[in-house]
Each structure stands twice: as C-alpha cells, then as structure tokens.
Amino acid sequence: MFRLLDAEPLRQALAEPGVDLALLASDHVYESVIQVGEGAIDPAEYAPAVVAVKETTARGWLTIPATGRRPALRR
C-alpha cells in the first residue's frame, strides 16, 4: 500500500498545473469501495494506472478530485 505514494502516475498528476490534490487508490479499495459506492463517489472519475515501484507492480486507480475529471496519464 505504501508503494502507491511513490508511484509515477501519482507524481505525474501532482505535477500538472493547478493540481494540489490527487488520489491513487489500490485496486482492492477501488473494487470494494469506490466502484460500488452508492453515488457518494463517482467511479468514472478514476483512471486505471500501472504502479511499478521497487519489486511491486500493481494496478491502482487515480483521480484528481477537485477537477471532477479523469487524469491524463503519460505512458
């Protein structure tokens, strides 16, 4: 879970002009909380992101909450 803090997709999102807050959720949190979140959270605002930090490679879900849009991820 702590590897998400060092993930490149999160760093890219935070480097965008005007972005002060970004959220990178684990795949487990996205599938069990965000995706089924009875209207409180819009899963369409999250973009899948590959997280590769040290020996960990996993899928995360990235959003920039203040903008209400999916982040544009560089490959």
PDB file of N, CA and C in Angstrom:
ATOM      1  N   MET A   1       0.810  -1.184   0.000  1.00  0.00           N
ATOM      2  CA  MET A   1       0.000   0.000   0.000  1.00  0.00           C
ATOM      3  C   MET A   1       0.860   1.257   0.000  1.00  0.00           C
ATOM      4  N   PHE A   2       1.966   1.245   0.741  1.00  0.00           N
ATOM      5  CA  PHE A   2       2.814   2.428   0.806  1.00  0.00           C
ATOM      6  C   PHE A   2       3.531   2.703  -0.509  1.00  0.00           C
ATOM      7  N   ARG A   3       3.651   1.704  -1.353  1.00  0.00           N
ATOM      8  CA  ARG A   3       4.272   1.891  -2.661  1.00  0.00           C
ATOM      9  C   ARG A   3       3.464   2.866  -3.522  1.00  0.00           C
ATOM     10  N   LEU A   4       2.180   2.972  -3.283  1.00  0.00           N
ATOM     11  CA  LEU A   4       1.338   3.885  -4.058  1.00  0.00           C
ATOM     12  C   LEU A   4       1.807   5.326  -3.912  1.00  0.00           C
ATOM     13  N   LEU A   5       2.353   5.682  -2.760  1.00  0.00           N
ATOM     14  CA  LEU A   5       2.821   7.047  -2.533  1.00  0.00           C
ATOM     15  C   LEU A   5       4.003   7.413  -3.425  1.00  0.00           C
ATOM     16  N   ASP A   6       4.789   6.419  -3.840  1.00  0.00           N
ATOM     17  CA  ASP A   6       5.952   6.653  -4.698  1.00  0.00           C
ATOM     18  C   ASP A   6       5.667   6.405  -6.174  1.00  0.00           C
ATOM     19  N   ALA A   7       4.433   6.114  -6.523  1.00  0.00           N
ATOM     20  CA  ALA A   7       4.088   5.732  -7.893  1.00  0.00           C
ATOM     21  C   ALA A   7       4.200   6.913  -8.861  1.00  0.00           C
ATOM     22  N   GLU A   8       4.755   6.640 -10.008  1.00  0.00           N
ATOM     23  CA  GLU A   8       4.936   7.665 -11.035  1.00  0.00           C
ATOM     24  C   GLU A   8       3.616   8.295 -11.498  1.00  0.00           C
ATOM     25  N   PRO A   9       2.537   7.529 -11.702  1.00  0.00           N
ATOM     26  CA  PRO A   9       1.280   8.167 -12.109  1.00  0.00           C
ATOM     27  C   PRO A   9       0.795   9.227 -11.111  1.00  0.00           C
ATOM     28  N   LEU A  10       0.992   8.972  -9.824  1.00  0.00           N
ATOM     29  CA  LEU A  10       0.602   9.955  -8.814  1.00  0.00           C
ATOM     30  C   LEU A  10       1.485  11.192  -8.903  1.00  0.00           C
ATOM     31  N   ARG A  11       2.775  10.986  -9.081  1.00  0.00           N
ATOM     32  CA  ARG A  11       3.713  12.112  -9.231  1.00  0.00           C
ATOM     33  C   ARG A  11       3.363  12.950 -10.471  1.00  0.00           C
ATOM     34  N   GLN A  12       3.007  12.285 -11.567  1.00  0.00           N
ATOM     35  CA  GLN A  12       2.623  12.996 -12.793  1.00  0.00           C
ATOM     36  C   GLN A  12       1.383  13.845 -12.560  1.00  0.00           C
ATOM     37  N   ALA A  13       0.403  13.281 -11.888  1.00  0.00           N
ATOM     38  CA  ALA A  13      -0.836  14.014 -11.638  1.00  0.00           C
ATOM     39  C   ALA A  13      -0.575  15.242 -10.778  1.00  0.00           C
ATOM     40  N   LEU A  14       0.254  15.088  -9.763  1.00  0.00           N
ATOM     41  CA  LEU A  14       0.555  16.205  -8.873  1.00  0.00           C
ATOM     42  C   LEU A  14       1.418  17.271  -9.534  1.00  0.00           C
ATOM     43  N   ALA A  15       2.093  16.913 -10.621  1.00  0.00           N
ATOM     44  CA  ALA A  15       2.932  17.874 -11.346  1.00  0.00           C
ATOM     45  C   ALA A  15       2.127  18.717 -12.335  1.00  0.00           C
ATOM     46  N   GLU A  16       0.871  18.332 -12.597  1.00  0.00           N
ATOM     47  CA  GLU A  16       0.038  19.098 -13.517  1.00  0.00           C
ATOM     48  C   GLU A  16      -0.249  20.475 -12.926  1.00  0.00           C
ATOM     49  N   PRO A  17      -0.280  21.512 -13.772  1.00  0.00           N
ATOM     50  CA  PRO A  17      -0.561  22.863 -13.278  1.00  0.00           C
ATOM     51  C   PRO A  17      -1.924  22.934 -12.578  1.00  0.00           C
ATOM     52  N   GLY A  18      -1.949  23.572 -11.422  1.00  0.00           N
ATOM     53  CA  GLY A  18      -3.193  23.771 -10.699  1.00  0.00           C
ATOM     54  C   GLY A  18      -3.668  22.591  -9.880  1.00  0.00           C
ATOM     55  N   VAL A  19      -2.927  21.496  -9.874  1.00  0.00           N
ATOM     56  CA  VAL A  19      -3.340  20.312  -9.123  1.00  0.00           C
ATOM     57  C   VAL A  19      -2.659  20.333  -7.749  1.00  0.00           C
ATOM     58  N   ASP A  20      -3.486  20.403  -6.711  1.00  0.00           N
ATOM     59  CA  ASP A  20      -2.984  20.395  -5.341  1.00  0.00           C
ATOM     60  C   ASP A  20      -3.250  19.078  -4.629  1.00  0.00           C
ATOM     61  N   LEU A  21      -4.179  18.285  -5.174  1.00  0.00           N
ATOM     62  CA  LEU A  21      -4.559  17.041  -4.534  1.00  0.00           C
ATOM     63  C   LEU A  21      -4.857  15.989  -5.599  1.00  0.00           C
ATOM     64  N   ALA A  22      -4.303  14.806  -5.408  1.00  0.00           N
ATOM     65  CA  ALA A  22      -4.597  13.663  -6.274  1.00  0.00           C
ATOM     66  C   ALA A  22      -4.721  12.438  -5.367  1.00  0.00           C
ATOM     67  N   LEU A  23      -5.519  11.482  -5.792  1.00  0.00           N
ATOM     68  CA  LEU A  23      -5.732  10.279  -5.003  1.00  0.00           C
ATOM     69  C   LEU A  23      -5.456   9.057  -5.865  1.00  0.00           C
ATOM     70  N   LEU A  24      -4.597   8.183  -5.365  1.00  0.00           N
ATOM     71  CA  LEU A  24      -4.303   6.923  -6.034  1.00  0.00           C
ATOM     72  C   LEU A  24      -4.748   5.805  -5.102  1.00  0.00           C
ATOM     73  N   ALA A  25      -5.849   5.161  -5.458  1.00  0.00           N
ATOM     74  CA  ALA A  25      -6.414   4.081  -4.646  1.00  0.00           C
ATOM     75  C   ALA A  25      -5.886   2.742  -5.145  1.00  0.00           C
ATOM     76  N   SER A  26      -5.747   1.809  -4.232  1.00  0.00           N
ATOM     77  CA  SER A  26      -5.352   0.458  -4.633  1.00  0.00           C
ATOM     78  C   SER A  26      -6.491  -0.185  -5.413  1.00  0.00           C
ATOM     79  N   ASP A  27      -6.178  -1.225  -6.149  1.00  0.00           N
ATOM     80  CA  ASP A  27      -7.186  -1.957  -6.910  1.00  0.00           C
ATOM     81  C   ASP A  27      -8.253  -2.515  -5.963  1.00  0.00           C
ATOM     82  N   HIS A  28      -7.823  -3.016  -4.820  1.00  0.00           N
ATOM     83  CA  HIS A  28      -8.758  -3.577  -3.841  1.00  0.00           C
ATOM     84  C   HIS A  28      -9.730  -2.505  -3.325  1.00  0.00           C
ATOM     85  N   VAL A  29      -9.232  -1.334  -2.977  1.00  0.00           N
ATOM     86  CA  VAL A  29     -10.091  -0.263  -2.482  1.00  0.00           C
ATOM     87  C   VAL A  29     -11.045   0.200  -3.583  1.00  0.00           C
ATOM     88  N   TYR A  30     -10.543   0.305  -4.803  1.00  0.00           N
ATOM     89  CA  TYR A  30     -11.416   0.720  -5.910  1.00  0.00           C
ATOM     90  C   TYR A  30     -12.563  -0.268  -6.102  1.00  0.00           C
ATOM     91  N   GLU A  31     -12.227  -1.554  -6.173  1.00  0.00           N
ATOM     92  CA  GLU A  31     -13.252  -2.566  -6.448  1.00  0.00           C
ATOM     93  C   GLU A  31     -14.224  -2.771  -5.289  1.00  0.00           C
ATOM     94  N   SER A  32     -13.757  -2.648  -4.059  1.00  0.00           N
ATOM     95  CA  SER A  32     -14.629  -2.947  -2.926  1.00  0.00           C
ATOM     96  C   SER A  32     -15.325  -1.717  -2.333  1.00  0.00           C
ATOM     97  N   VAL A  33     -14.827  -0.513  -2.611  1.00  0.00           N
ATOM     98  CA  VAL A  33     -15.431   0.681  -2.025  1.00  0.00           C
ATOM     99  C   VAL A  33     -15.886   1.677  -3.096  1.00  0.00           C
ATOM    100  N   ILE A  34     -14.972   2.095  -3.951  1.00  0.00           N
ATOM    101  CA  ILE A  34     -15.259   3.168  -4.906  1.00  0.00           C
ATOM    102  C   ILE A  34     -16.251   2.725  -5.974  1.00  0.00           C
ATOM    103  N   GLN A  35     -15.999   1.569  -6.571  1.00  0.00           N
ATOM    104  CA  GLN A  35     -16.831   1.097  -7.673  1.00  0.00           C
ATOM    105  C   GLN A  35     -18.273   0.803  -7.235  1.00  0.00           C
ATOM    106  N   VAL A  36     -18.460   0.435  -6.004  1.00  0.00           N
ATOM    107  CA  VAL A  36     -19.803   0.113  -5.503  1.00  0.00           C
ATOM    108  C   VAL A  36     -20.363   1.221  -4.615  1.00  0.00           C
ATOM    109  N   GLY A  37     -19.710   2.366  -4.600  1.00  0.00           N
ATOM    110  CA  GLY A  37     -20.088   3.465  -3.707  1.00  0.00           C
ATOM    111  C   GLY A  37     -21.394   4.124  -4.070  1.00  0.00           C
ATOM    112  N   GLU A  38     -22.442   3.728  -3.597  1.00  0.00           N
ATOM    113  CA  GLU A  38     -23.806   4.192  -3.759  1.00  0.00           C
ATOM    114  C   GLU A  38     -23.971   5.685  -4.073  1.00  0.00           C
ATOM    115  N   GLY A  39     -23.296   6.205  -5.078  1.00  0.00           N
ATOM    116  CA  GLY A  39     -23.473   7.587  -5.510  1.00  0.00           C
ATOM    117  C   GLY A  39     -22.611   8.609  -4.804  1.00  0.00           C
ATOM    118  N   ALA A  40     -22.002   8.254  -3.691  1.00  0.00           N
ATOM    119  CA  ALA A  40     -21.155   9.195  -2.961  1.00  0.00           C
ATOM    120  C   ALA A  40     -19.843   9.459  -3.700  1.00  0.00           C
ATOM    121  N   ILE A  41     -19.378   8.477  -4.435  1.00  0.00           N
ATOM    122  CA  ILE A  41     -18.123   8.565  -5.184  1.00  0.00           C
ATOM    123  C   ILE A  41     -18.421   8.141  -6.620  1.00  0.00           C
ATOM    124  N   ASP A  42     -17.949   8.924  -7.585  1.00  0.00           N
ATOM    125  CA  ASP A  42     -18.173   8.582  -8.992  1.00  0.00           C
ATOM    126  C   ASP A  42     -16.983   7.799  -9.524  1.00  0.00           C
ATOM    127  N   PRO A  43     -17.138   6.487  -9.756  1.00  0.00           N
ATOM    128  CA  PRO A  43     -16.032   5.681 -10.249  1.00  0.00           C
ATOM    129  C   PRO A  43     -15.535   6.124 -11.625  1.00  0.00           C
ATOM    130  N   ALA A  44     -16.359   6.827 -12.382  1.00  0.00           N
ATOM    131  CA  ALA A  44     -15.950   7.287 -13.710  1.00  0.00           C
ATOM    132  C   ALA A  44     -14.870   8.356 -13.648  1.00  0.00           C
ATOM    133  N   GLU A  45     -14.654   8.950 -12.486  1.00  0.00           N
ATOM    134  CA  GLU A  45     -13.609   9.963 -12.333  1.00  0.00           C
ATOM    135  C   GLU A  45     -12.233   9.352 -12.086  1.00  0.00           C
ATOM    136  N   TYR A  46     -12.156   8.032 -11.999  1.00  0.00           N
ATOM    137  CA  TYR A  46     -10.896   7.345 -11.732  1.00  0.00           C
ATOM    138  C   TYR A  46     -10.369   6.715 -13.017  1.00  0.00           C
ATOM    139  N   ALA A  47      -9.074   6.811 -13.206  1.00  0.00           N
ATOM    140  CA  ALA A  47      -8.419   6.187 -14.358  1.00  0.00           C
ATOM    141  C   ALA A  47      -7.495   5.079 -13.850  1.00  0.00           C
ATOM    142  N   PRO A  48      -7.466   3.934 -14.546  1.00  0.00           N
ATOM    143  CA  PRO A  48      -6.544   2.879 -14.119  1.00  0.00           C
ATOM    144  C   PRO A  48      -5.107   3.328 -14.361  1.00  0.00           C
ATOM    145  N   ALA A  49      -4.233   2.960 -13.446  1.00  0.00           N
ATOM    146  CA  ALA A  49      -2.831   3.344 -13.544  1.00  0.00           C
ATOM    147  C   ALA A  49      -1.957   2.173 -13.118  1.00  0.00           C
ATOM    148  N   VAL A  50      -0.917   1.908 -13.878  1.00  0.00           N
ATOM    149  CA  VAL A  50       0.033   0.852 -13.517  1.00  0.00           C
ATOM    150  C   VAL A  50       1.029   1.431 -12.526  1.00  0.00           C
ATOM    151  N   VAL A  51       1.152   0.765 -11.395  1.00  0.00           N
ATOM    152  CA  VAL A  51       2.063   1.187 -10.340  1.00  0.00           C
ATOM    153  C   VAL A  51       3.226   0.210 -10.330  1.00  0.00           C
ATOM    154  N   ALA A  52       4.419   0.703 -10.597  1.00  0.00           N
ATOM    155  CA  ALA A  52       5.625  -0.128 -10.582  1.00  0.00           C
ATOM    156  C   ALA A  52       6.680   0.580  -9.741  1.00  0.00           C
ATOM    157  N   VAL A  53       6.800   0.147  -8.476  1.00  0.00           N
ATOM    158  CA  VAL A  53       7.748   0.739  -7.547  1.00  0.00           C
ATOM    159  C   VAL A  53       8.515  -0.383  -6.873  1.00  0.00           C
ATOM    160  N   LYS A  54       9.827  -0.322  -6.980  1.00  0.00           N
ATOM    161  CA  LYS A  54      10.713  -1.361  -6.440  1.00  0.00           C
ATOM    162  C   LYS A  54      10.268  -2.725  -6.959  1.00  0.00           C
ATOM    163  N   GLU A  55       9.992  -3.671  -6.061  1.00  0.00           N
ATOM    164  CA  GLU A  55       9.616  -5.018  -6.512  1.00  0.00           C
ATOM    165  C   GLU A  55       8.113  -5.190  -6.689  1.00  0.00           C
ATOM    166  N   THR A  56       7.363  -4.116  -6.543  1.00  0.00           N
ATOM    167  CA  THR A  56       5.905  -4.185  -6.627  1.00  0.00           C
ATOM    168  C   THR A  56       5.388  -3.647  -7.954  1.00  0.00           C
ATOM    169  N   THR A  57       4.554  -4.425  -8.627  1.00  0.00           N
ATOM    170  CA  THR A  57       3.828  -3.962  -9.807  1.00  0.00           C
ATOM    171  C   THR A  57       2.362  -4.310  -9.594  1.00  0.00           C
ATOM    172  N   ALA A  58       1.516  -3.289  -9.686  1.00  0.00           N
ATOM    173  CA  ALA A  58       0.092  -3.496  -9.417  1.00  0.00           C
ATOM    174  C   ALA A  58      -0.712  -2.445 -10.174  1.00  0.00           C
ATOM    175  N   ARG A  59      -2.026  -2.618 -10.162  1.00  0.00           N
ATOM    176  CA  ARG A  59      -2.912  -1.625 -10.755  1.00  0.00           C
ATOM    177  C   ARG A  59      -3.483  -0.770  -9.638  1.00  0.00           C
ATOM    178  N   GLY A  60      -3.503   0.526  -9.883  1.00  0.00           N
ATOM    179  CA  GLY A  60      -4.137   1.458  -8.971  1.00  0.00           C
ATOM    180  C   GLY A  60      -5.165   2.262  -9.754  1.00  0.00           C
ATOM    181  N   TRP A  61      -5.894   3.123  -9.059  1.00  0.00           N
ATOM    182  CA  TRP A  61      -6.925   3.947  -9.686  1.00  0.00           C
ATOM    183  C   TRP A  61      -6.705   5.383  -9.253  1.00  0.00           C
ATOM    184  N   LEU A  62      -6.501   6.270 -10.230  1.00  0.00           N
ATOM    185  CA  LEU A  62      -6.096   7.644  -9.969  1.00  0.00           C
ATOM    186  C   LEU A  62      -7.208   8.624 -10.290  1.00  0.00           C
ATOM    187  N   THR A  63      -7.365   9.618  -9.418  1.00  0.00           N
ATOM    188  CA  THR A  63      -8.304  10.707  -9.664  1.00  0.00           C
ATOM    189  C   THR A  63      -7.705  12.006  -9.153  1.00  0.00           C
ATOM    190  N   ILE A  64      -8.168  13.093  -9.728  1.00  0.00           N
ATOM    191  CA  ILE A  64      -7.828  14.432  -9.254  1.00  0.00           C
ATOM    192  C   ILE A  64      -9.160  15.022  -8.787  1.00  0.00           C
ATOM    193  N   PRO A  65      -9.488  14.889  -7.497  1.00  0.00           N
ATOM    194  CA  PRO A  65     -10.824  15.198  -7.001  1.00  0.00           C
ATOM    195  C   PRO A  65     -11.331  16.606  -7.279  1.00  0.00           C
ATOM    196  N   ALA A  66     -10.528  17.606  -7.150  1.00  0.00           N
ATOM    197  CA  ALA A  66     -11.001  18.988  -7.297  1.00  0.00           C
ATOM    198  C   ALA A  66     -11.461  19.308  -8.715  1.00  0.00           C
ATOM    199  N   THR A  67     -11.007  18.533  -9.691  1.00  0.00           N
ATOM    200  CA  THR A  67     -11.341  18.836 -11.080  1.00  0.00           C
ATOM    201  C   THR A  67     -12.560  18.067 -11.570  1.00  0.00           C
ATOM    202  N   GLY A  68     -12.883  16.936 -10.944  1.00  0.00           N
ATOM    203  CA  GLY A  68     -14.009  16.126 -11.386  1.00  0.00           C
ATOM    204  C   GLY A  68     -13.755  15.460 -12.734  1.00  0.00           C
ATOM    205  N   ARG A  69     -12.492  15.305 -13.101  1.00  0.00           N
ATOM    206  CA  ARG A  69     -12.165  14.677 -14.381  1.00  0.00           C
ATOM    207  C   ARG A  69     -11.132  13.583 -14.170  1.00  0.00           C
ATOM    208  N   ARG A  70     -11.120  12.659 -15.112  1.00  0.00           N
ATOM    209  CA  ARG A  70     -10.090  11.614 -15.083  1.00  0.00           C
ATOM    210  C   ARG A  70      -8.754  12.221 -15.473  1.00  0.00           C
ATOM    211  N   PRO A  71      -7.688  11.860 -14.797  1.00  0.00           N
ATOM    212  CA  PRO A  71      -6.381  12.392 -15.150  1.00  0.00           C
ATOM    213  C   PRO A  71      -5.879  11.817 -16.471  1.00  0.00           C
ATOM    214  N   ALA A  72      -5.119  12.632 -17.193  1.00  0.00           N
ATOM    215  CA  ALA A  72      -4.469  12.176 -18.414  1.00  0.00           C
ATOM    216  C   ALA A  72      -3.131  11.579 -18.013  1.00  0.00           C
ATOM    217  N   LEU A  73      -2.976  10.283 -18.194  1.00  0.00           N
ATOM    218  CA  LEU A  73      -1.747   9.613 -17.792  1.00  0.00           C
ATOM    219  C   LEU A  73      -0.785   9.493 -18.958  1.00  0.00           C
ATOM    220  N   ARG A  74       0.469   9.847 -18.691  1.00  0.00           N
ATOM    221  CA  ARG A  74       1.521   9.641 -19.702  1.00  0.00           C
ATOM    222  C   ARG A  74       1.989   8.218 -19.626  1.00  0.00           C
ATOM    223  N   ARG A  75       2.315   7.673 -20.754  1.00  0.00           N
ATOM    224  CA  ARG A  75       2.795   6.278 -20.798  1.00  0.00           C
ATOM    225  C   ARG A  75       4.290   6.247 -20.738  1.00  0.00           C
TER     226      ARG A  75
END
